[in-house]
Amino acid sequence: MSLELTILGFNSAVPTAFTHPTAQLLNIAERYFLIDCGEGTQVQLRKAKAKFNRINHIFISHLHGDHVFGLIGLISTLQLLGRDTPLYIHGPKGIEEFIMIQLKLTESKCTYDIVFNELSSKKSVLVFEDDKVEVFSIPLNHRVYTNGYLFKEKKKLRKLNMDAIQQYGEIDICDYQNLKNGKDYVMEDGTIIDNEDLTVEGPRALSYAYCSDTRYKPDIIPLIKGVDLLYHESTFLHEAKELATYTGHSTAKEAGIIAREAGVKKLVLGHFSNRYHDYSVLLNEAKLEFENTVLPRLIGTIKIKE
């Protein structure tokens, strides 16, 4: 299995004919999560040939338009497609009012339930959890209340060492699940066989950290330590550091520093100011701090293997 991140949009603020505001589709452990929803996101999902009905959870970083203006359109489209299962929206306090007032004024009624999980904590909290994945908030420093999100696979089951197991005739198929769960085996005579003697380490758990609009914030480094893939906004070159700080954004150099200090495996940049027509200048600046940095590609998918 692998982690797959499809970039639906990555530019800042004003859409252009060739770029789109922030939105991403993440596939981790066969869970499909939509991350931010700038205007036109549903069109981008179509271009990516994504199955709308597989998206059950949407994570919104903050309430600026280039991250949320596409949400009401997507909600309406899901209704027209006959959705009848709940849609869960995680985002800042106010996201429910933002959506419900639009539904009210347009006299729209959903055919499905919308479940809002509003966030207000300035500390990292568990936002979502099931049997395979955990999602934590990453508190950021923007002009309005903003969170990034950390998506983590839970530790995977160990693999059976059948050659070792077959040396013990009393170990039966009904014992295999306990062994995969990491439990030692107790023989009928009371002898304990260490789990590590009967199994091997399972596939590596994968992780992705999404750091949306934020000023340089090094205190997030412990939260994202060692992730397989980091998206970090890099709106400006470092020569515009003063403007970046004033507007609540980061530079490409700062994104690279965060990636290096956190020991991540790969960094993807995004949220570029429209002043830059050649994104390679941002890439080159970040690579001076962290070599394994890449630029996003519209409807492009970044795959991280176990």
Protein backbone atom coordinates (compact mmCIF):
# COMPACT_ATOMS: atom_id res chain seq x y z
CA MET A 1 0.00 0.00 0.00
CA SER A 2 1.02 3.63 -0.32
CA LEU A 3 0.10 7.15 0.63
CA GLU A 4 -1.17 9.21 -2.30
CA LEU A 5 -1.58 12.99 -2.30
CA THR A 6 -3.34 14.55 -5.29
CA ILE A 7 -2.83 18.30 -5.63
CA LEU A 8 -6.08 19.90 -6.81
CA GLY A 9 -4.90 23.49 -6.35
CA PHE A 10 -1.92 25.24 -4.80
CA ASN A 11 -1.85 28.97 -5.57
CA SER A 12 -2.67 31.74 -3.13
CA ALA A 13 -5.75 33.97 -3.02
CA VAL A 14 -6.68 34.99 -6.56
CA PRO A 15 -7.40 32.19 -9.07
CA THR A 16 -5.92 32.53 -12.54
CA ALA A 17 -6.66 30.85 -15.86
CA PHE A 18 -3.97 28.26 -15.17
CA THR A 19 -3.88 27.93 -11.38
CA HIS A 20 -6.38 27.07 -8.68
CA PRO A 21 -6.69 27.83 -4.95
CA THR A 22 -5.75 25.34 -2.29
CA ALA A 23 -7.31 21.89 -2.22
CA GLN A 24 -5.87 18.39 -1.85
CA LEU A 25 -7.15 14.83 -1.93
CA LEU A 26 -5.32 12.44 0.36
CA ASN A 27 -5.56 8.66 0.19
CA ILE A 28 -4.09 7.06 3.29
CA ALA A 29 -4.96 3.51 4.34
CA GLU A 30 -7.71 3.60 1.69
CA ARG A 31 -9.36 6.54 3.47
CA TYR A 32 -10.01 9.49 1.15
CA PHE A 33 -9.75 12.88 2.86
CA LEU A 34 -10.34 16.26 1.21
CA ILE A 35 -8.06 18.93 2.65
CA ASP A 36 -9.23 22.52 2.14
CA CYS A 37 -11.70 23.41 -0.58
CA GLY A 38 -10.92 26.56 -2.54
CA GLU A 39 -13.33 27.64 -5.26
CA GLY A 40 -13.54 25.24 -8.19
CA THR A 41 -12.49 22.23 -6.14
CA GLN A 42 -15.31 20.05 -7.44
CA VAL A 43 -14.16 20.71 -11.03
CA GLN A 44 -10.63 19.73 -10.05
CA LEU A 45 -11.96 16.55 -8.45
CA ARG A 46 -13.63 15.74 -11.75
CA LYS A 47 -10.37 16.28 -13.62
CA ALA A 48 -8.63 13.98 -11.14
CA LYS A 49 -11.35 11.36 -11.80
CA ALA A 50 -12.00 11.14 -8.07
CA LYS A 51 -15.05 9.29 -6.79
CA PHE A 52 -17.06 11.85 -4.84
CA ASN A 53 -18.83 9.22 -2.74
CA ARG A 54 -15.52 8.04 -1.28
CA ILE A 55 -14.97 11.40 0.42
CA ASN A 56 -16.54 11.25 3.87
CA HIS A 57 -14.32 13.69 5.77
CA ILE A 58 -13.27 17.23 4.80
CA PHE A 59 -10.62 19.13 6.77
CA ILE A 60 -10.65 22.93 6.50
CA SER A 61 -7.61 24.83 7.76
CA HIS A 62 -9.16 28.29 8.11
CA LEU A 63 -11.99 30.47 6.86
CA HIS A 64 -10.21 32.51 4.21
CA GLY A 65 -11.97 32.23 0.87
CA ASP A 66 -9.17 30.58 -1.09
CA HIS A 67 -9.43 27.62 1.29
CA VAL A 68 -13.20 27.36 1.74
CA PHE A 69 -15.21 29.05 -1.02
CA GLY A 70 -15.58 25.81 -2.97
CA LEU A 71 -17.20 23.95 -0.09
CA ILE A 72 -20.82 25.03 -0.57
CA GLY A 73 -20.64 24.13 -4.24
CA LEU A 74 -19.30 20.67 -3.43
CA ILE A 75 -22.00 20.15 -0.81
CA SER A 76 -24.66 21.06 -3.38
CA THR A 77 -23.17 18.76 -5.99
CA LEU A 78 -23.11 15.84 -3.56
CA GLN A 79 -26.83 16.42 -2.99
CA LEU A 80 -27.54 16.44 -6.72
CA LEU A 81 -25.62 13.18 -7.02
CA GLY A 82 -27.99 11.63 -4.48
CA ARG A 83 -25.64 11.25 -1.55
CA ASP A 84 -27.38 9.71 1.47
CA THR A 85 -24.47 9.08 3.85
CA PRO A 86 -23.18 11.63 6.38
CA LEU A 87 -20.48 14.13 5.43
CA TYR A 88 -18.11 15.14 8.23
CA ILE A 89 -16.56 18.61 8.09
CA HIS A 90 -13.72 19.45 10.47
CA GLY A 91 -12.68 23.07 10.69
CA PRO A 92 -12.50 26.29 12.71
CA LYS A 93 -15.33 27.48 14.90
CA GLY A 94 -17.75 29.25 12.58
CA ILE A 95 -17.60 26.73 9.75
CA GLU A 96 -21.10 25.44 10.57
CA GLU A 97 -22.65 28.92 10.48
CA PHE A 98 -20.74 29.67 7.29
CA ILE A 99 -22.29 26.67 5.52
CA MET A 100 -25.74 26.59 7.08
CA ILE A 101 -26.55 30.23 6.33
CA GLN A 102 -25.77 29.62 2.66
CA LEU A 103 -28.03 26.58 2.62
CA LYS A 104 -30.75 28.57 4.37
CA LEU A 105 -30.63 31.61 2.09
CA THR A 106 -30.62 29.45 -1.04
CA GLU A 107 -33.48 27.37 0.39
CA SER A 108 -31.44 24.22 -0.08
CA LYS A 109 -32.08 21.03 1.84
CA CYS A 110 -29.48 18.31 1.96
CA THR A 111 -30.40 14.71 1.29
CA TYR A 112 -27.70 13.71 3.76
CA ASP A 113 -26.52 14.79 7.20
CA ILE A 114 -23.64 17.22 7.58
CA VAL A 115 -21.77 16.66 10.83
CA PHE A 116 -19.58 19.58 11.90
CA ASN A 117 -16.57 19.22 14.16
CA GLU A 118 -15.58 22.78 15.08
CA LEU A 119 -12.09 23.40 16.42
CA SER A 120 -10.95 26.19 18.70
CA SER A 121 -8.00 24.77 20.64
CA LYS A 122 -4.62 26.45 20.27
CA LYS A 123 -2.97 23.14 21.15
CA SER A 124 -2.72 20.04 18.99
CA VAL A 125 -5.78 17.82 19.47
CA LEU A 126 -7.05 14.54 18.06
CA VAL A 127 -9.53 15.50 15.34
CA PHE A 128 -10.44 12.11 13.87
CA GLU A 129 -9.68 8.47 14.58
CA ASP A 130 -10.74 5.08 13.27
CA ASP A 131 -9.14 1.64 13.34
CA LYS A 132 -6.40 2.57 10.84
CA VAL A 133 -5.84 6.34 10.89
CA GLU A 134 -5.44 9.21 13.37
CA VAL A 135 -5.67 12.90 12.44
CA PHE A 136 -4.29 15.62 14.72
CA SER A 137 -4.50 19.38 14.39
CA ILE A 138 -1.32 21.41 13.92
CA PRO A 139 -1.83 24.91 15.42
CA LEU A 140 -0.51 27.54 13.02
CA ASN A 141 0.03 31.31 13.11
CA HIS A 142 -1.93 33.13 10.43
CA ARG A 143 -4.10 36.27 10.47
CA VAL A 144 -7.11 34.20 11.56
CA TYR A 145 -7.43 31.01 13.60
CA THR A 146 -5.75 28.31 11.50
CA ASN A 147 -4.79 24.66 11.82
CA GLY A 148 -2.74 22.32 9.73
CA TYR A 149 -3.41 18.59 9.98
CA LEU A 150 -1.24 15.56 10.68
CA PHE A 151 -2.48 12.30 9.16
CA LYS A 152 -0.94 9.15 10.63
CA GLU A 153 -1.50 5.49 9.95
CA LYS A 154 -1.73 3.47 13.13
CA LYS A 155 0.95 0.86 13.72
CA LYS A 156 0.33 -2.02 11.38
CA LEU A 157 -0.03 -5.68 12.27
CA ARG A 158 3.07 -7.82 12.45
CA LYS A 159 3.64 -10.48 9.80
CA LEU A 160 3.70 -14.17 10.65
CA ASN A 161 6.99 -16.06 10.37
CA MET A 162 5.49 -19.34 9.19
CA ASP A 163 8.78 -21.23 9.24
CA ALA A 164 9.14 -20.45 12.95
CA ILE A 165 5.47 -21.08 13.74
CA GLN A 166 5.51 -24.52 12.12
CA GLN A 167 8.14 -25.64 14.62
CA TYR A 168 5.42 -25.56 17.28
CA GLY A 169 2.64 -28.00 16.46
CA GLU A 170 0.20 -26.61 18.99
CA ILE A 171 0.10 -23.13 17.44
CA ASP A 172 -3.11 -23.14 15.41
CA ILE A 173 -4.74 -20.80 12.91
CA CYS A 174 -6.95 -19.41 15.69
CA ASP A 175 -3.78 -18.08 17.38
CA TYR A 176 -2.56 -16.14 14.35
CA GLN A 177 -4.48 -12.91 15.05
CA ASN A 178 -3.02 -12.63 18.55
CA LEU A 179 0.45 -13.08 17.10
CA LYS A 180 -0.20 -10.38 14.46
CA ASN A 181 -1.34 -8.11 17.31
CA GLY A 182 2.06 -8.56 18.96
CA LYS A 183 1.15 -10.95 21.75
CA ASP A 184 3.55 -13.63 22.99
CA TYR A 185 2.47 -17.26 22.72
CA VAL A 186 1.99 -19.31 25.90
CA MET A 187 2.58 -23.03 25.39
CA GLU A 188 0.40 -25.62 27.13
CA ASP A 189 3.27 -26.30 29.58
CA GLY A 190 3.47 -22.59 30.44
CA THR A 191 6.53 -21.81 28.35
CA ILE A 192 6.37 -18.32 26.83
CA ILE A 193 7.56 -17.83 23.26
CA ASP A 194 8.41 -14.21 22.48
CA ASN A 195 6.32 -12.70 19.73
CA GLU A 196 9.45 -11.56 17.91
CA ASP A 197 10.49 -15.22 17.55
CA LEU A 198 7.26 -15.98 15.67
CA THR A 199 6.65 -12.79 13.66
CA VAL A 200 8.47 -10.05 11.79
CA GLU A 201 7.85 -6.31 11.72
CA GLY A 202 4.80 -5.36 9.68
CA PRO A 203 4.67 -2.73 6.92
CA ARG A 204 5.79 0.76 7.90
CA ALA A 205 3.05 3.16 9.00
CA LEU A 206 2.96 6.26 6.79
CA SER A 207 2.30 9.89 7.71
CA TYR A 208 1.52 13.23 6.06
CA ALA A 209 1.61 16.73 7.54
CA TYR A 210 -0.31 19.59 5.92
CA CYS A 211 0.81 23.05 7.02
CA SER A 212 -1.47 25.64 5.48
CA ASP A 213 -1.11 29.43 5.72
CA THR A 214 1.22 30.33 8.56
CA ARG A 215 4.03 32.55 9.65
CA TYR A 216 7.32 30.77 10.39
CA LYS A 217 6.46 28.65 13.42
CA PRO A 218 9.29 26.37 14.55
CA ASP A 219 7.33 25.05 17.55
CA ILE A 220 5.41 22.78 15.17
CA ILE A 221 8.60 20.80 14.52
CA PRO A 222 8.05 18.23 17.33
CA LEU A 223 4.52 17.57 16.03
CA ILE A 224 5.64 16.72 12.50
CA LYS A 225 8.94 15.03 13.35
CA GLY A 226 9.92 12.40 10.80
CA VAL A 227 6.77 12.48 8.66
CA ASP A 228 7.02 10.86 5.24
CA LEU A 229 5.63 13.89 3.42
CA LEU A 230 5.25 17.52 4.46
CA TYR A 231 3.30 20.20 2.61
CA HIS A 232 4.33 23.64 3.83
CA GLU A 233 3.18 26.95 2.41
CA SER A 234 5.92 29.08 0.84
CA THR A 235 4.14 32.17 -0.39
CA PHE A 236 7.22 34.37 -0.82
CA LEU A 237 10.96 34.33 -1.36
CA HIS A 238 12.96 35.21 1.74
CA GLU A 239 13.81 38.64 0.33
CA ALA A 240 10.13 39.44 1.08
CA LYS A 241 10.38 38.16 4.66
CA GLU A 242 8.91 41.36 6.12
CA LEU A 243 5.87 41.12 3.84
CA ALA A 244 5.49 37.43 4.65
CA THR A 245 5.40 38.13 8.37
CA TYR A 246 2.98 41.03 7.93
CA THR A 247 0.53 38.97 5.85
CA GLY A 248 0.84 35.85 7.99
CA HIS A 249 2.84 33.70 5.59
CA SER A 250 6.15 31.86 5.25
CA THR A 251 9.03 32.04 2.80
CA ALA A 252 10.41 29.14 0.80
CA LYS A 253 13.58 29.26 2.89
CA GLU A 254 11.55 28.96 6.10
CA ALA A 255 9.62 25.99 4.70
CA GLY A 256 12.94 24.31 3.95
CA ILE A 257 14.22 25.00 7.47
CA ILE A 258 11.08 23.49 9.01
CA ALA A 259 11.48 20.37 6.84
CA ARG A 260 15.17 19.99 7.70
CA GLU A 261 14.77 20.51 11.43
CA ALA A 262 11.78 18.14 11.56
CA GLY A 263 13.71 15.45 9.72
CA VAL A 264 10.89 14.85 7.25
CA LYS A 265 11.48 12.62 4.26
CA LYS A 266 10.03 14.85 1.54
CA LEU A 267 8.78 18.44 1.28
CA VAL A 268 6.28 19.81 -1.22
CA LEU A 269 5.85 23.57 -1.47
CA GLY A 270 2.67 25.52 -2.22
CA HIS A 271 0.47 28.61 -1.83
CA PHE A 272 2.65 30.72 -4.11
CA SER A 273 2.10 34.44 -4.52
CA ASN A 274 0.94 35.44 -7.99
CA ARG A 275 3.99 37.70 -8.23
CA TYR A 276 6.01 34.59 -9.11
CA HIS A 277 5.56 33.19 -12.61
CA ASP A 278 8.56 30.89 -12.39
CA TYR A 279 8.14 28.69 -9.31
CA SER A 280 11.67 27.31 -9.68
CA VAL A 281 13.02 30.32 -7.77
CA LEU A 282 10.99 29.21 -4.74
CA LEU A 283 12.10 25.62 -5.21
CA ASN A 284 15.76 26.58 -5.43
CA GLU A 285 15.57 28.66 -2.26
CA ALA A 286 13.94 25.84 -0.28
CA LYS A 287 16.41 23.24 -1.62
CA LEU A 288 19.30 25.20 -0.13
CA GLU A 289 17.83 24.26 3.26
CA PHE A 290 16.29 20.88 2.40
CA GLU A 291 17.36 19.01 -0.71
CA ASN A 292 14.40 16.64 -1.12
CA THR A 293 11.94 19.41 -1.98
CA VAL A 294 9.52 19.32 -4.91
CA LEU A 295 7.02 21.63 -6.56
CA PRO A 296 3.36 20.66 -6.76
CA ARG A 297 1.75 19.81 -10.09
CA LEU A 298 -1.92 20.47 -10.79
CA ILE A 299 -3.84 17.17 -10.65
CA GLY A 300 -0.48 15.57 -10.00
CA THR A 301 -0.20 12.77 -7.44
CA ILE A 302 2.70 12.31 -5.05
CA LYS A 303 3.05 8.68 -3.93
CA ILE A 304 4.89 7.54 -0.82
CA LYS A 305 5.41 3.77 -0.56
CA GLU A 306 5.67 1.71 2.63
